[in-house]
Amino acid sequence: MVPFAAGSINPITDAMLCSTILIHSHIGFQSIIIDYIPGKRLPRTKALFWWGLRGATVLVAVGLYEFETNDVGLTEAIKRIWTA
């Protein structure tokens, strides 16, 4: 939580919102992989998609962290877009 305090007006709200977005997206894409890629018929393809999801989740987490620490933060960005 400490890194979020440097770049944002609402660090706790930003941290909770970023965590929620990340977890929600990961679980949603995980459900897509489970539902649409049969593990018995295509085990290598399913493994490839699992690793792709893990990599994408880490990339998004790093991107959100960078956005929070080096830019205005998520809640401030939403506020600016809303009032634009």
PDB file of N, CA and C in Angstrom:
ATOM      1  N   MET A   1       0.800  -1.183   0.000  1.00  0.00           N
ATOM      2  CA  MET A   1       0.000   0.000   0.000  1.00  0.00           C
ATOM      3  C   MET A   1       0.852   1.261   0.000  1.00  0.00           C
ATOM      4  N   VAL A   2       2.024   1.195   0.525  1.00  0.00           N
ATOM      5  CA  VAL A   2       2.887   2.368   0.627  1.00  0.00           C
ATOM      6  C   VAL A   2       3.201   2.993  -0.732  1.00  0.00           C
ATOM      7  N   PRO A   3       3.509   2.218  -1.776  1.00  0.00           N
ATOM      8  CA  PRO A   3       3.806   2.865  -3.057  1.00  0.00           C
ATOM      9  C   PRO A   3       2.630   3.657  -3.623  1.00  0.00           C
ATOM     10  N   PHE A   4       1.414   3.254  -3.294  1.00  0.00           N
ATOM     11  CA  PHE A   4       0.259   3.960  -3.826  1.00  0.00           C
ATOM     12  C   PHE A   4       0.109   5.343  -3.192  1.00  0.00           C
ATOM     13  N   ALA A   5       0.671   5.541  -2.006  1.00  0.00           N
ATOM     14  CA  ALA A   5       0.506   6.808  -1.301  1.00  0.00           C
ATOM     15  C   ALA A   5       1.252   7.950  -1.991  1.00  0.00           C
ATOM     16  N   ALA A   6       2.280   7.633  -2.757  1.00  0.00           N
ATOM     17  CA  ALA A   6       3.098   8.685  -3.362  1.00  0.00           C
ATOM     18  C   ALA A   6       2.421   9.354  -4.552  1.00  0.00           C
ATOM     19  N   GLY A   7       1.628   8.625  -5.341  1.00  0.00           N
ATOM     20  CA  GLY A   7       1.148   9.195  -6.583  1.00  0.00           C
ATOM     21  C   GLY A   7      -0.338   9.419  -6.678  1.00  0.00           C
ATOM     22  N   SER A   8      -1.064   9.304  -5.593  1.00  0.00           N
ATOM     23  CA  SER A   8      -2.501   9.371  -5.711  1.00  0.00           C
ATOM     24  C   SER A   8      -3.121  10.119  -4.537  1.00  0.00           C
ATOM     25  N   ILE A   9      -4.268  10.709  -4.774  1.00  0.00           N
ATOM     26  CA  ILE A   9      -4.996  11.397  -3.709  1.00  0.00           C
ATOM     27  C   ILE A   9      -5.737  10.374  -2.847  1.00  0.00           C
ATOM     28  N   ASN A  10      -6.219   9.315  -3.466  1.00  0.00           N
ATOM     29  CA  ASN A  10      -6.996   8.288  -2.779  1.00  0.00           C
ATOM     30  C   ASN A  10      -6.274   6.942  -2.853  1.00  0.00           C
ATOM     31  N   PRO A  11      -5.208   6.737  -2.110  1.00  0.00           N
ATOM     32  CA  PRO A  11      -4.405   5.530  -2.295  1.00  0.00           C
ATOM     33  C   PRO A  11      -5.127   4.237  -1.918  1.00  0.00           C
ATOM     34  N   ILE A  12      -5.942   4.261  -0.882  1.00  0.00           N
ATOM     35  CA  ILE A  12      -6.631   3.039  -0.469  1.00  0.00           C
ATOM     36  C   ILE A  12      -7.711   2.678  -1.482  1.00  0.00           C
ATOM     37  N   THR A  13      -8.438   3.667  -1.942  1.00  0.00           N
ATOM     38  CA  THR A  13      -9.458   3.423  -2.967  1.00  0.00           C
ATOM     39  C   THR A  13      -8.814   2.917  -4.251  1.00  0.00           C
ATOM     40  N   ASP A  14      -7.718   3.513  -4.650  1.00  0.00           N
ATOM     41  CA  ASP A  14      -7.010   3.071  -5.853  1.00  0.00           C
ATOM     42  C   ASP A  14      -6.522   1.637  -5.712  1.00  0.00           C
ATOM     43  N   ALA A  15      -5.943   1.306  -4.568  1.00  0.00           N
ATOM     44  CA  ALA A  15      -5.424  -0.040  -4.355  1.00  0.00           C
ATOM     45  C   ALA A  15      -6.549  -1.073  -4.393  1.00  0.00           C
ATOM     46  N   MET A  16      -7.669  -0.759  -3.750  1.00  0.00           N
ATOM     47  CA  MET A  16      -8.794  -1.696  -3.752  1.00  0.00           C
ATOM     48  C   MET A  16      -9.395  -1.830  -5.147  1.00  0.00           C
ATOM     49  N   LEU A  17      -9.542  -0.727  -5.849  1.00  0.00           N
ATOM     50  CA  LEU A  17     -10.115  -0.762  -7.189  1.00  0.00           C
ATOM     51  C   LEU A  17      -9.220  -1.521  -8.163  1.00  0.00           C
ATOM     52  N   CYS A  18      -7.920  -1.272  -8.109  1.00  0.00           N
ATOM     53  CA  CYS A  18      -6.989  -1.984  -8.987  1.00  0.00           C
ATOM     54  C   CYS A  18      -6.976  -3.482  -8.681  1.00  0.00           C
ATOM     55  N   SER A  19      -6.987  -3.824  -7.415  1.00  0.00           N
ATOM     56  CA  SER A  19      -7.013  -5.244  -7.028  1.00  0.00           C
ATOM     57  C   SER A  19      -8.292  -5.917  -7.505  1.00  0.00           C
ATOM     58  N   THR A  20      -9.398  -5.224  -7.329  1.00  0.00           N
ATOM     59  CA  THR A  20     -10.688  -5.783  -7.751  1.00  0.00           C
ATOM     60  C   THR A  20     -10.740  -5.970  -9.264  1.00  0.00           C
ATOM     61  N   ILE A  21     -10.276  -4.984 -10.010  1.00  0.00           N
ATOM     62  CA  ILE A  21     -10.265  -5.087 -11.472  1.00  0.00           C
ATOM     63  C   ILE A  21      -9.385  -6.248 -11.920  1.00  0.00           C
ATOM     64  N   LEU A  22      -8.217  -6.372 -11.315  1.00  0.00           N
ATOM     65  CA  LEU A  22      -7.285  -7.426 -11.684  1.00  0.00           C
ATOM     66  C   LEU A  22      -7.851  -8.808 -11.376  1.00  0.00           C
ATOM     67  N   ILE A  23      -8.387  -9.003 -10.186  1.00  0.00           N
ATOM     68  CA  ILE A  23      -8.948 -10.302  -9.801  1.00  0.00           C
ATOM     69  C   ILE A  23     -10.162 -10.631 -10.653  1.00  0.00           C
ATOM     70  N   HIS A  24     -11.028  -9.648 -10.868  1.00  0.00           N
ATOM     71  CA  HIS A  24     -12.233  -9.869 -11.678  1.00  0.00           C
ATOM     72  C   HIS A  24     -11.874 -10.285 -13.106  1.00  0.00           C
ATOM     73  N   SER A  25     -10.916  -9.610 -13.698  1.00  0.00           N
ATOM     74  CA  SER A  25     -10.499  -9.943 -15.064  1.00  0.00           C
ATOM     75  C   SER A  25      -9.867 -11.326 -15.131  1.00  0.00           C
ATOM     76  N   HIS A  26      -9.018 -11.641 -14.167  1.00  0.00           N
ATOM     77  CA  HIS A  26      -8.355 -12.945 -14.154  1.00  0.00           C
ATOM     78  C   HIS A  26      -9.378 -14.073 -14.036  1.00  0.00           C
ATOM     79  N   ILE A  27     -10.319 -13.931 -13.119  1.00  0.00           N
ATOM     80  CA  ILE A  27     -11.332 -14.972 -12.933  1.00  0.00           C
ATOM     81  C   ILE A  27     -12.218 -15.089 -14.172  1.00  0.00           C
ATOM     82  N   GLY A  28     -12.553 -13.973 -14.793  1.00  0.00           N
ATOM     83  CA  GLY A  28     -13.381 -14.013 -16.004  1.00  0.00           C
ATOM     84  C   GLY A  28     -12.692 -14.733 -17.151  1.00  0.00           C
ATOM     85  N   PHE A  29     -11.435 -14.402 -17.407  1.00  0.00           N
ATOM     86  CA  PHE A  29     -10.708 -15.079 -18.481  1.00  0.00           C
ATOM     87  C   PHE A  29     -10.418 -16.537 -18.134  1.00  0.00           C
ATOM     88  N   GLN A  30     -10.230 -16.817 -16.862  1.00  0.00           N
ATOM     89  CA  GLN A  30     -10.046 -18.202 -16.424  1.00  0.00           C
ATOM     90  C   GLN A  30     -11.298 -19.023 -16.737  1.00  0.00           C
ATOM     91  N   SER A  31     -12.461 -18.444 -16.519  1.00  0.00           N
ATOM     92  CA  SER A  31     -13.718 -19.134 -16.836  1.00  0.00           C
ATOM     93  C   SER A  31     -13.854 -19.387 -18.329  1.00  0.00           C
ATOM     94  N   ILE A  32     -13.410 -18.454 -19.138  1.00  0.00           N
ATOM     95  CA  ILE A  32     -13.452 -18.645 -20.591  1.00  0.00           C
ATOM     96  C   ILE A  32     -12.569 -19.815 -20.996  1.00  0.00           C
ATOM     97  N   ILE A  33     -11.378 -19.891 -20.429  1.00  0.00           N
ATOM     98  CA  ILE A  33     -10.465 -21.001 -20.750  1.00  0.00           C
ATOM     99  C   ILE A  33     -11.065 -22.327 -20.321  1.00  0.00           C
ATOM    100  N   ILE A  34     -11.641 -22.378 -19.134  1.00  0.00           N
ATOM    101  CA  ILE A  34     -12.240 -23.615 -18.632  1.00  0.00           C
ATOM    102  C   ILE A  34     -13.406 -24.040 -19.513  1.00  0.00           C
ATOM    103  N   ASP A  35     -14.238 -23.085 -19.904  1.00  0.00           N
ATOM    104  CA  ASP A  35     -15.446 -23.410 -20.664  1.00  0.00           C
ATOM    105  C   ASP A  35     -15.191 -23.779 -22.119  1.00  0.00           C
ATOM    106  N   TYR A  36     -14.237 -23.118 -22.766  1.00  0.00           N
ATOM    107  CA  TYR A  36     -14.124 -23.251 -24.210  1.00  0.00           C
ATOM    108  C   TYR A  36     -12.919 -24.012 -24.720  1.00  0.00           C
ATOM    109  N   ILE A  37     -11.997 -24.413 -23.862  1.00  0.00           N
ATOM    110  CA  ILE A  37     -10.852 -25.204 -24.320  1.00  0.00           C
ATOM    111  C   ILE A  37     -10.888 -26.551 -23.601  1.00  0.00           C
ATOM    112  N   PRO A  38     -11.235 -27.602 -24.309  1.00  0.00           N
ATOM    113  CA  PRO A  38     -11.312 -28.914 -23.666  1.00  0.00           C
ATOM    114  C   PRO A  38      -9.917 -29.434 -23.295  1.00  0.00           C
ATOM    115  N   GLY A  39      -9.745 -29.718 -22.021  1.00  0.00           N
ATOM    116  CA  GLY A  39      -8.439 -30.154 -21.526  1.00  0.00           C
ATOM    117  C   GLY A  39      -8.056 -31.553 -21.966  1.00  0.00           C
ATOM    118  N   LYS A  40      -9.026 -32.418 -22.174  1.00  0.00           N
ATOM    119  CA  LYS A  40      -8.731 -33.800 -22.573  1.00  0.00           C
ATOM    120  C   LYS A  40      -8.303 -33.883 -24.030  1.00  0.00           C
ATOM    121  N   ARG A  41      -8.933 -33.087 -24.874  1.00  0.00           N
ATOM    122  CA  ARG A  41      -8.595 -33.111 -26.304  1.00  0.00           C
ATOM    123  C   ARG A  41      -7.397 -32.254 -26.648  1.00  0.00           C
ATOM    124  N   LEU A  42      -7.259 -31.116 -25.986  1.00  0.00           N
ATOM    125  CA  LEU A  42      -6.210 -30.152 -26.315  1.00  0.00           C
ATOM    126  C   LEU A  42      -5.416 -29.767 -25.062  1.00  0.00           C
ATOM    127  N   PRO A  43      -4.688 -30.705 -24.463  1.00  0.00           N
ATOM    128  CA  PRO A  43      -3.996 -30.367 -23.209  1.00  0.00           C
ATOM    129  C   PRO A  43      -2.884 -29.325 -23.384  1.00  0.00           C
ATOM    130  N   ARG A  44      -2.178 -29.378 -24.489  1.00  0.00           N
ATOM    131  CA  ARG A  44      -1.099 -28.398 -24.697  1.00  0.00           C
ATOM    132  C   ARG A  44      -1.650 -27.006 -24.958  1.00  0.00           C
ATOM    133  N   THR A  45      -2.726 -26.944 -25.706  1.00  0.00           N
ATOM    134  CA  THR A  45      -3.352 -25.651 -25.978  1.00  0.00           C
ATOM    135  C   THR A  45      -3.894 -25.037 -24.696  1.00  0.00           C
ATOM    136  N   LYS A  46      -4.504 -25.877 -23.865  1.00  0.00           N
ATOM    137  CA  LYS A  46      -5.026 -25.369 -22.604  1.00  0.00           C
ATOM    138  C   LYS A  46      -3.899 -24.876 -21.709  1.00  0.00           C
ATOM    139  N   ALA A  47      -2.800 -25.610 -21.674  1.00  0.00           N
ATOM    140  CA  ALA A  47      -1.644 -25.184 -20.880  1.00  0.00           C
ATOM    141  C   ALA A  47      -1.073 -23.864 -21.411  1.00  0.00           C
ATOM    142  N   LEU A  48      -1.031 -23.726 -22.732  1.00  0.00           N
ATOM    143  CA  LEU A  48      -0.549 -22.489 -23.340  1.00  0.00           C
ATOM    144  C   LEU A  48      -1.426 -21.305 -22.936  1.00  0.00           C
ATOM    145  N   PHE A  49      -2.727 -21.498 -22.965  1.00  0.00           N
ATOM    146  CA  PHE A  49      -3.634 -20.424 -22.580  1.00  0.00           C
ATOM    147  C   PHE A  49      -3.541 -20.110 -21.088  1.00  0.00           C
ATOM    148  N   TRP A  50      -3.332 -21.140 -20.248  1.00  0.00           N
ATOM    149  CA  TRP A  50      -3.157 -20.897 -18.811  1.00  0.00           C
ATOM    150  C   TRP A  50      -1.939 -20.013 -18.575  1.00  0.00           C
ATOM    151  N   TRP A  51      -0.818 -20.355 -19.238  1.00  0.00           N
ATOM    152  CA  TRP A  51       0.392 -19.560 -19.066  1.00  0.00           C
ATOM    153  C   TRP A  51       0.234 -18.165 -19.660  1.00  0.00           C
ATOM    154  N   GLY A  52      -0.507 -18.061 -20.756  1.00  0.00           N
ATOM    155  CA  GLY A  52      -0.789 -16.750 -21.332  1.00  0.00           C
ATOM    156  C   GLY A  52      -1.605 -15.884 -20.385  1.00  0.00           C
ATOM    157  N   LEU A  53      -2.584 -16.503 -19.721  1.00  0.00           N
ATOM    158  CA  LEU A  53      -3.394 -15.765 -18.752  1.00  0.00           C
ATOM    159  C   LEU A  53      -2.546 -15.307 -17.571  1.00  0.00           C
ATOM    160  N   ARG A  54      -1.700 -16.178 -17.078  1.00  0.00           N
ATOM    161  CA  ARG A  54      -0.820 -15.795 -15.967  1.00  0.00           C
ATOM    162  C   ARG A  54       0.100 -14.646 -16.356  1.00  0.00           C
ATOM    163  N   GLY A  55       0.680 -14.745 -17.553  1.00  0.00           N
ATOM    164  CA  GLY A  55       1.562 -13.670 -18.022  1.00  0.00           C
ATOM    165  C   GLY A  55       0.821 -12.357 -18.193  1.00  0.00           C
ATOM    166  N   ALA A  56      -0.381 -12.431 -18.763  1.00  0.00           N
ATOM    167  CA  ALA A  56      -1.175 -11.212 -18.963  1.00  0.00           C
ATOM    168  C   ALA A  56      -1.573 -10.597 -17.628  1.00  0.00           C
ATOM    169  N   THR A  57      -1.898 -11.434 -16.647  1.00  0.00           N
ATOM    170  CA  THR A  57      -2.264 -10.924 -15.334  1.00  0.00           C
ATOM    171  C   THR A  57      -1.089 -10.202 -14.681  1.00  0.00           C
ATOM    172  N   VAL A  58       0.093 -10.778 -14.790  1.00  0.00           N
ATOM    173  CA  VAL A  58       1.282 -10.126 -14.231  1.00  0.00           C
ATOM    174  C   VAL A  58       1.566  -8.819 -14.960  1.00  0.00           C
ATOM    175  N   LEU A  59       1.430  -8.817 -16.280  1.00  0.00           N
ATOM    176  CA  LEU A  59       1.662  -7.598 -17.057  1.00  0.00           C
ATOM    177  C   LEU A  59       0.682  -6.492 -16.675  1.00  0.00           C
ATOM    178  N   VAL A  60      -0.578  -6.838 -16.520  1.00  0.00           N
ATOM    179  CA  VAL A  60      -1.581  -5.844 -16.132  1.00  0.00           C
ATOM    180  C   VAL A  60      -1.311  -5.339 -14.717  1.00  0.00           C
ATOM    181  N   ALA A  61      -0.907  -6.237 -13.822  1.00  0.00           N
ATOM    182  CA  ALA A  61      -0.589  -5.822 -12.456  1.00  0.00           C
ATOM    183  C   ALA A  61       0.573  -4.830 -12.441  1.00  0.00           C
ATOM    184  N   VAL A  62       1.600  -5.106 -13.216  1.00  0.00           N
ATOM    185  CA  VAL A  62       2.740  -4.189 -13.298  1.00  0.00           C
ATOM    186  C   VAL A  62       2.304  -2.860 -13.916  1.00  0.00           C
ATOM    187  N   GLY A  63       1.481  -2.925 -14.953  1.00  0.00           N
ATOM    188  CA  GLY A  63       0.983  -1.698 -15.586  1.00  0.00           C
ATOM    189  C   GLY A  63       0.149  -0.856 -14.637  1.00  0.00           C
ATOM    190  N   LEU A  64      -0.736  -1.487 -13.881  1.00  0.00           N
ATOM    191  CA  LEU A  64      -1.539  -0.740 -12.911  1.00  0.00           C
ATOM    192  C   LEU A  64      -0.665  -0.152 -11.806  1.00  0.00           C
ATOM    193  N   TYR A  65       0.322  -0.902 -11.372  1.00  0.00           N
ATOM    194  CA  TYR A  65       1.247  -0.400 -10.348  1.00  0.00           C
ATOM    195  C   TYR A  65       1.998   0.833 -10.854  1.00  0.00           C
ATOM    196  N   GLU A  66       2.488   0.753 -12.080  1.00  0.00           N
ATOM    197  CA  GLU A  66       3.195   1.894 -12.667  1.00  0.00           C
ATOM    198  C   GLU A  66       2.264   3.099 -12.821  1.00  0.00           C
ATOM    199  N   PHE A  67       1.040   2.842 -13.244  1.00  0.00           N
ATOM    200  CA  PHE A  67       0.072   3.922 -13.410  1.00  0.00           C
ATOM    201  C   PHE A  67      -0.236   4.586 -12.071  1.00  0.00           C
ATOM    202  N   GLU A  68      -0.327   3.783 -11.030  1.00  0.00           N
ATOM    203  CA  GLU A  68      -0.625   4.321  -9.705  1.00  0.00           C
ATOM    204  C   GLU A  68       0.545   5.098  -9.114  1.00  0.00           C
ATOM    205  N   THR A  69       1.755   4.617  -9.312  1.00  0.00           N
ATOM    206  CA  THR A  69       2.903   5.246  -8.667  1.00  0.00           C
ATOM    207  C   THR A  69       3.504   6.391  -9.486  1.00  0.00           C
ATOM    208  N   ASN A  70       3.423   6.325 -10.807  1.00  0.00           N
ATOM    209  CA  ASN A  70       4.087   7.329 -11.639  1.00  0.00           C
ATOM    210  C   ASN A  70       3.136   8.269 -12.366  1.00  0.00           C
ATOM    211  N   ASP A  71       1.849   8.104 -12.166  1.00  0.00           N
ATOM    212  CA  ASP A  71       0.871   8.950 -12.852  1.00  0.00           C
ATOM    213  C   ASP A  71      -0.169   9.408 -11.833  1.00  0.00           C
ATOM    214  N   VAL A  72      -1.330   9.822 -12.284  1.00  0.00           N
ATOM    215  CA  VAL A  72      -2.330  10.415 -11.402  1.00  0.00           C
ATOM    216  C   VAL A  72      -3.086   9.388 -10.560  1.00  0.00           C
ATOM    217  N   GLY A  73      -3.099   8.142 -10.959  1.00  0.00           N
ATOM    218  CA  GLY A  73      -3.859   7.132 -10.240  1.00  0.00           C
ATOM    219  C   GLY A  73      -5.196   6.870 -10.904  1.00  0.00           C
ATOM    220  N   LEU A  74      -5.788   5.761 -10.569  1.00  0.00           N
ATOM    221  CA  LEU A  74      -7.003   5.320 -11.246  1.00  0.00           C
ATOM    222  C   LEU A  74      -8.212   6.194 -10.900  1.00  0.00           C
ATOM    223  N   THR A  75      -8.418   6.486  -9.626  1.00  0.00           N
ATOM    224  CA  THR A  75      -9.594   7.286  -9.272  1.00  0.00           C
ATOM    225  C   THR A  75      -9.494   8.707  -9.825  1.00  0.00           C
ATOM    226  N   GLU A  76      -8.314   9.273  -9.816  1.00  0.00           N
ATOM    227  CA  GLU A  76      -8.145  10.613 -10.391  1.00  0.00           C
ATOM    228  C   GLU A  76      -8.349  10.577 -11.911  1.00  0.00           C
ATOM    229  N   ALA A  77      -7.880   9.522 -12.567  1.00  0.00           N
ATOM    230  CA  ALA A  77      -8.087   9.395 -14.008  1.00  0.00           C
ATOM    231  C   ALA A  77      -9.575   9.264 -14.329  1.00  0.00           C
ATOM    232  N   ILE A  78     -10.282   8.479 -13.546  1.00  0.00           N
ATOM    233  CA  ILE A  78     -11.732   8.333 -13.761  1.00  0.00           C
ATOM    234  C   ILE A  78     -12.432   9.670 -13.528  1.00  0.00           C
ATOM    235  N   LYS A  79     -12.004  10.389 -12.505  1.00  0.00           N
ATOM    236  CA  LYS A  79     -12.592  11.698 -12.226  1.00  0.00           C
ATOM    237  C   LYS A  79     -12.346  12.673 -13.369  1.00  0.00           C
ATOM    238  N   ARG A  80     -11.133  12.660 -13.906  1.00  0.00           N
ATOM    239  CA  ARG A  80     -10.812  13.561 -15.024  1.00  0.00           C
ATOM    240  C   ARG A  80     -11.605  13.198 -16.285  1.00  0.00           C
ATOM    241  N   ILE A  81     -11.762  11.923 -16.543  1.00  0.00           N
ATOM    242  CA  ILE A  81     -12.534  11.488 -17.718  1.00  0.00           C
ATOM    243  C   ILE A  81     -14.001  11.850 -17.522  1.00  0.00           C
ATOM    244  N   TRP A  82     -14.509  11.664 -16.323  1.00  0.00           N
ATOM    245  CA  TRP A  82     -15.918  11.932 -16.043  1.00  0.00           C
ATOM    246  C   TRP A  82     -16.245  13.415 -16.209  1.00  0.00           C
ATOM    247  N   THR A  83     -15.317  14.290 -15.814  1.00  0.00           N
ATOM    248  CA  THR A  83     -15.593  15.733 -15.905  1.00  0.00           C
ATOM    249  C   THR A  83     -15.114  16.355 -17.207  1.00  0.00           C
ATOM    250  N   ALA A  84     -14.560  15.583 -18.098  1.00  0.00           N
ATOM    251  CA  ALA A  84     -14.039  16.121 -19.360  1.00  0.00           C
ATOM    252  C   ALA A  84     -15.150  16.498 -20.308  1.00  0.00           C
TER     253      ALA A  84
END
